[in-house]
Protein backbone atom coordinates (compact mmCIF):
# COMPACT_ATOMS: atom_id res chain seq x y z
CA UNK A 1 -24.89 77.68 100.44
CA UNK A 2 -27.46 76.34 98.01
CA UNK A 3 -30.22 78.62 99.31
CA UNK A 4 -27.88 81.60 98.94
CA UNK A 5 -27.12 80.66 95.33
CA UNK A 6 -30.77 80.02 94.46
CA UNK A 7 -32.15 83.16 96.09
CA UNK A 8 -29.28 85.44 95.09
CA UNK A 9 -29.22 84.15 91.52
CA UNK A 10 -32.98 84.47 91.13
CA UNK A 11 -33.02 87.98 92.58
CA UNK A 12 -30.11 89.14 90.40
CA UNK A 13 -31.73 87.64 87.27
CA UNK A 14 -35.06 89.28 88.12
CA UNK A 15 -33.43 92.70 88.62
CA UNK A 16 -31.40 92.45 85.39
CA UNK A 17 -34.41 91.41 83.31
CA UNK A 18 -36.54 94.13 84.92
CA UNK A 19 -33.99 96.81 84.05
CA UNK A 20 -33.63 95.54 80.47
CA UNK A 21 -37.39 95.40 79.90
CA UNK A 22 -37.80 98.89 81.37
CA UNK A 23 -35.39 100.62 78.97
CA UNK A 24 -37.52 103.25 77.20
CA UNK A 25 -35.32 103.68 74.10
CA UNK A 26 -32.96 100.86 73.08
CA UNK A 27 -31.82 102.83 70.04
CA UNK A 28 -30.47 105.62 72.25
CA UNK A 29 -28.62 103.10 74.41
CA UNK A 30 -27.05 101.33 71.42
CA UNK A 31 -26.03 104.58 69.74
CA UNK A 32 -24.53 105.93 72.96
CA UNK A 33 -26.91 108.86 73.19
CA UNK A 34 -28.19 107.44 76.48
CA UNK A 35 -24.86 106.88 78.23
CA UNK A 36 -26.43 105.92 81.57
CA UNK A 37 -29.51 103.77 80.86
CA UNK A 38 -29.82 102.62 84.50
CA UNK A 39 -30.29 106.20 85.67
CA UNK A 40 -32.79 106.79 82.86
CA UNK A 41 -34.80 103.70 83.79
CA UNK A 42 -34.89 104.57 87.50
CA UNK A 43 -35.95 108.17 86.90
CA UNK A 44 -38.62 107.23 84.36
CA UNK A 45 -40.04 104.54 86.66
CA UNK A 46 -39.71 106.17 90.11
CA UNK A 47 -39.09 109.85 89.44
CA UNK A 48 -36.15 111.86 90.75
CA UNK A 49 -36.80 111.27 94.45
CA UNK A 50 -37.67 107.60 94.01
CA UNK A 51 -34.49 107.01 91.99
CA UNK A 52 -32.43 108.45 94.84
CA UNK A 53 -34.16 106.14 97.31
CA UNK A 54 -33.33 103.13 95.12
CA UNK A 55 -29.71 104.29 94.85
CA UNK A 56 -29.55 104.58 98.65
CA UNK A 57 -30.69 100.95 98.93
CA UNK A 58 -28.01 99.94 96.41
CA UNK A 59 -25.42 101.97 98.33
CA UNK A 60 -26.31 100.14 101.55
CA UNK A 61 -25.91 96.78 99.81
CA UNK A 62 -22.53 97.82 98.40
CA UNK A 63 -21.41 99.00 101.85
CA UNK A 64 -22.47 95.65 103.28
CA UNK A 65 -20.42 93.83 100.62
CA UNK A 66 -17.42 96.07 101.31
CA UNK A 67 -17.60 95.36 105.06
CA UNK A 68 -17.85 91.60 104.46
CA UNK A 69 -14.82 91.71 102.14
CA UNK A 70 -12.93 93.79 104.67
CA UNK A 71 -13.71 91.28 107.41
CA UNK A 72 -12.68 88.35 105.20
CA UNK A 73 -9.43 90.07 104.18
CA UNK A 74 -8.54 90.95 107.77
CA UNK A 75 -9.03 87.36 108.92
CA UNK A 76 -6.95 86.06 106.04
CA UNK A 77 -4.16 88.50 106.92
CA UNK A 78 -4.46 87.52 110.58
CA UNK A 79 -4.21 83.80 109.76
CA UNK A 80 -1.01 84.39 107.79
CA UNK A 81 0.38 86.49 110.64
CA UNK A 82 -0.59 83.88 113.23
CA UNK A 83 1.48 81.27 111.37
CA UNK A 84 4.40 83.70 110.77
CA UNK A 85 3.95 83.43 107.01
CA UNK A 86 3.87 87.14 106.12
CA UNK A 87 5.90 90.29 106.70
CA UNK A 88 4.87 92.01 109.93
CA UNK A 89 3.57 88.83 111.54
CA UNK A 90 4.50 90.16 114.99
CA UNK A 91 1.76 92.79 114.71
CA UNK A 92 -0.66 91.08 112.34
CA UNK A 93 -1.13 88.06 114.62
CA UNK A 94 -2.24 90.23 117.55
CA UNK A 95 -5.82 89.53 118.63
CA UNK A 96 -7.89 91.84 120.81
CA UNK A 97 -9.64 89.58 123.32
CA UNK A 98 -11.94 92.38 124.45
CA UNK A 99 -13.26 93.34 121.00
CA UNK A 100 -12.79 89.89 119.45
CA UNK A 101 -11.06 91.22 116.34
CA UNK A 102 -7.48 91.24 114.99
CA UNK A 103 -6.96 95.06 115.09
CA UNK A 104 -3.74 95.39 113.06
CA UNK A 105 -4.91 92.94 110.41
CA UNK A 106 -8.21 94.82 110.22
CA UNK A 107 -6.39 98.13 109.91
CA UNK A 108 -4.21 96.72 107.13
CA UNK A 109 -7.32 95.59 105.25
CA UNK A 110 -8.56 99.20 105.40
CA UNK A 111 -5.37 101.18 104.79
CA UNK A 112 -4.07 99.33 101.71
CA UNK A 113 -7.32 99.71 99.67
CA UNK A 114 -7.55 103.35 100.79
CA UNK A 115 -4.01 104.02 99.56
CA UNK A 116 -4.82 102.39 96.23
CA UNK A 117 -7.92 104.55 95.83
CA UNK A 118 -5.97 107.71 96.71
CA UNK A 119 -3.23 106.69 94.28
CA UNK A 120 -5.82 106.15 91.56
CA UNK A 121 -6.51 109.90 91.58
CA UNK A 122 -3.28 110.30 89.61
CA UNK A 123 -4.88 108.56 86.63
CA UNK A 124 -8.55 108.93 85.68
CA UNK A 125 -8.67 105.32 84.50
CA UNK A 126 -6.63 103.73 87.30
CA UNK A 127 -9.60 102.84 89.49
CA UNK A 128 -11.26 100.96 86.61
CA UNK A 129 -8.07 98.96 86.14
CA UNK A 130 -7.84 98.17 89.85
CA UNK A 131 -11.45 96.96 89.91
CA UNK A 132 -10.85 94.89 86.79
CA UNK A 133 -7.78 93.30 88.33
CA UNK A 134 -9.73 92.66 91.52
CA UNK A 135 -12.28 90.69 89.51
CA UNK A 136 -9.53 88.61 87.90
CA UNK A 137 -7.85 88.14 91.29
CA UNK A 138 -11.03 86.69 92.76
CA UNK A 139 -11.29 84.21 89.88
CA UNK A 140 -7.62 83.25 90.25
CA UNK A 141 -8.07 82.66 93.98
CA UNK A 142 -11.15 80.50 93.46
CA UNK A 143 -9.58 78.51 90.64
CA UNK A 144 -6.62 77.64 92.87
CA UNK A 145 -9.10 75.88 95.16
CA UNK A 146 -10.94 74.28 92.23
CA UNK A 147 -7.65 73.00 90.77
CA UNK A 148 -6.55 71.63 94.15
CA UNK A 149 -9.91 69.87 94.55
CA UNK A 150 -9.60 68.34 91.07
CA UNK A 151 -6.07 67.14 91.82
CA UNK A 152 -7.27 65.56 95.07
CA UNK A 153 -10.21 63.88 93.31
CA UNK A 154 -7.94 62.38 90.68
CA UNK A 155 -5.74 61.00 93.47
CA UNK A 156 -8.66 59.29 95.17
CA UNK A 157 -10.14 61.92 97.51
CA UNK A 158 -13.79 61.31 98.39
CA UNK A 159 -15.59 64.36 99.86
CA UNK A 160 -17.43 63.87 103.15
CA UNK A 161 -20.20 65.88 104.77
CA UNK A 162 -23.74 66.80 103.82
CA UNK A 163 -22.96 68.56 100.54
CA UNK A 164 -21.83 65.91 98.03
CA UNK A 165 -22.33 65.56 94.29
CA UNK A 166 -21.65 61.84 94.04
CA UNK A 167 -20.66 60.73 90.55
CA UNK A 168 -21.30 64.25 89.26
CA UNK A 169 -18.49 65.60 91.41
CA UNK A 170 -15.68 65.07 88.90
CA UNK A 171 -17.45 66.47 85.79
CA UNK A 172 -18.74 69.46 87.77
CA UNK A 173 -15.20 70.05 89.11
CA UNK A 174 -13.75 69.92 85.59
CA UNK A 175 -16.49 72.18 84.24
CA UNK A 176 -15.89 74.69 87.04
CA UNK A 177 -12.17 74.80 86.25
CA UNK A 178 -12.77 75.24 82.51
CA UNK A 179 -15.31 78.00 83.14
CA UNK A 180 -13.04 79.76 85.64
CA UNK A 181 -9.99 79.71 83.38
CA UNK A 182 -12.11 80.93 80.44
CA UNK A 183 -13.42 83.78 82.61
CA UNK A 184 -9.86 84.76 83.60
CA UNK A 185 -8.80 84.84 79.95
CA UNK A 186 -11.90 86.83 79.01
CA UNK A 187 -11.38 89.42 81.76
CA UNK A 188 -7.68 89.83 81.01
CA UNK A 189 -8.07 89.87 77.21
CA UNK A 190 -6.83 93.16 75.65
CA UNK A 191 -9.67 95.18 74.12
CA UNK A 192 -8.18 98.63 73.54
CA UNK A 193 -5.53 98.32 70.79
CA UNK A 194 -5.57 102.08 70.24
CA UNK A 195 -3.97 102.58 73.67
CA UNK A 196 -0.32 101.91 74.59
CA UNK A 197 0.41 98.18 74.90
CA UNK A 198 0.95 98.40 78.67
CA UNK A 199 -2.52 99.90 79.08
CA UNK A 200 -4.09 97.32 76.80
CA UNK A 201 -2.46 94.43 78.68
CA UNK A 202 -2.57 96.04 82.14
CA UNK A 203 -4.82 93.38 83.74
CA UNK A 204 -2.66 90.51 82.47
CA UNK A 205 0.51 92.37 83.50
CA UNK A 206 -0.80 93.04 87.02
CA UNK A 207 -1.94 89.43 87.40
CA UNK A 208 1.38 87.96 86.30
CA UNK A 209 3.34 90.47 88.40
CA UNK A 210 1.45 89.85 91.64
CA UNK A 211 1.35 86.07 91.24
CA UNK A 212 5.05 86.14 90.33
CA UNK A 213 5.93 88.20 93.40
CA UNK A 214 4.00 85.71 95.53
CA UNK A 215 5.93 82.80 94.04
CA UNK A 216 9.27 84.59 94.57
CA UNK A 217 8.35 85.35 98.18
CA UNK A 218 7.35 81.72 98.72
CA UNK A 219 10.56 80.33 97.20
CA UNK A 220 13.01 82.62 98.98
CA UNK A 221 11.39 82.89 102.42
CA UNK A 222 9.93 79.36 102.64
CA UNK A 223 7.31 81.01 104.83
CA UNK A 224 4.81 78.22 104.19
CA UNK A 225 7.00 75.90 106.25
CA UNK A 226 6.38 78.00 109.38
CA UNK A 227 2.81 76.76 109.69
CA UNK A 228 1.96 73.57 111.56
CA UNK A 229 -1.43 73.30 109.83
CA UNK A 230 -1.99 69.95 108.10
CA UNK A 231 -1.50 69.85 104.33
CA UNK A 232 -2.05 67.20 101.71
CA UNK A 233 -4.25 65.38 104.23
CA UNK A 234 -7.24 65.16 101.86
CA UNK A 235 -5.49 62.60 99.66
CA UNK A 236 -5.59 59.08 101.11
CA UNK A 237 -2.26 57.37 101.62
CA UNK A 238 -1.52 54.54 99.20
């Protein structure tokens, strides 16, 4: 985990700084005359053909990320189906022993995003909103874990394993929660007052709606009680 953070962070920082330092005309970028400075940088540095090669490399990396997210989503859907905690559990919990994948969960992880992309064709700006909400959704999901970890720490939980922060654990946990909540607020903050209010607040509206639907589903179906997985076991008994 640490090597991934160090190497990935260093590589991303190096690429960002390289692109910034390679901008031929900052005035054109600031004024909006150069609306696509990345394309300008690539073409000026590598030429037309070289820029396409670089974009192919970027496309491969994006495809790799999409496949990893698809795999993660399918396994999450499968785990909910396995414990009968989601609609369609009868199909979603099926596992193909020959191919070693949950086929219906995998198909669901493909079909739903595809339908959203097709639906986004109705509005030219819909895909941007979906991507923006996806970014907020990731932060919300992570902060649920960070909040749970902080609650467990305050109740006496002591992490075990090789990766431990010792006395720095609590302040780092608090800092992570503060940063994550601030990022959620920043991403959902309305920035286009000239648009209708529902467009300006669309990310916040989508976040509240989806989280609210999840809470309603949880309260009325009590689906979480169908699982026999241990819970609250990180906190030592008094």
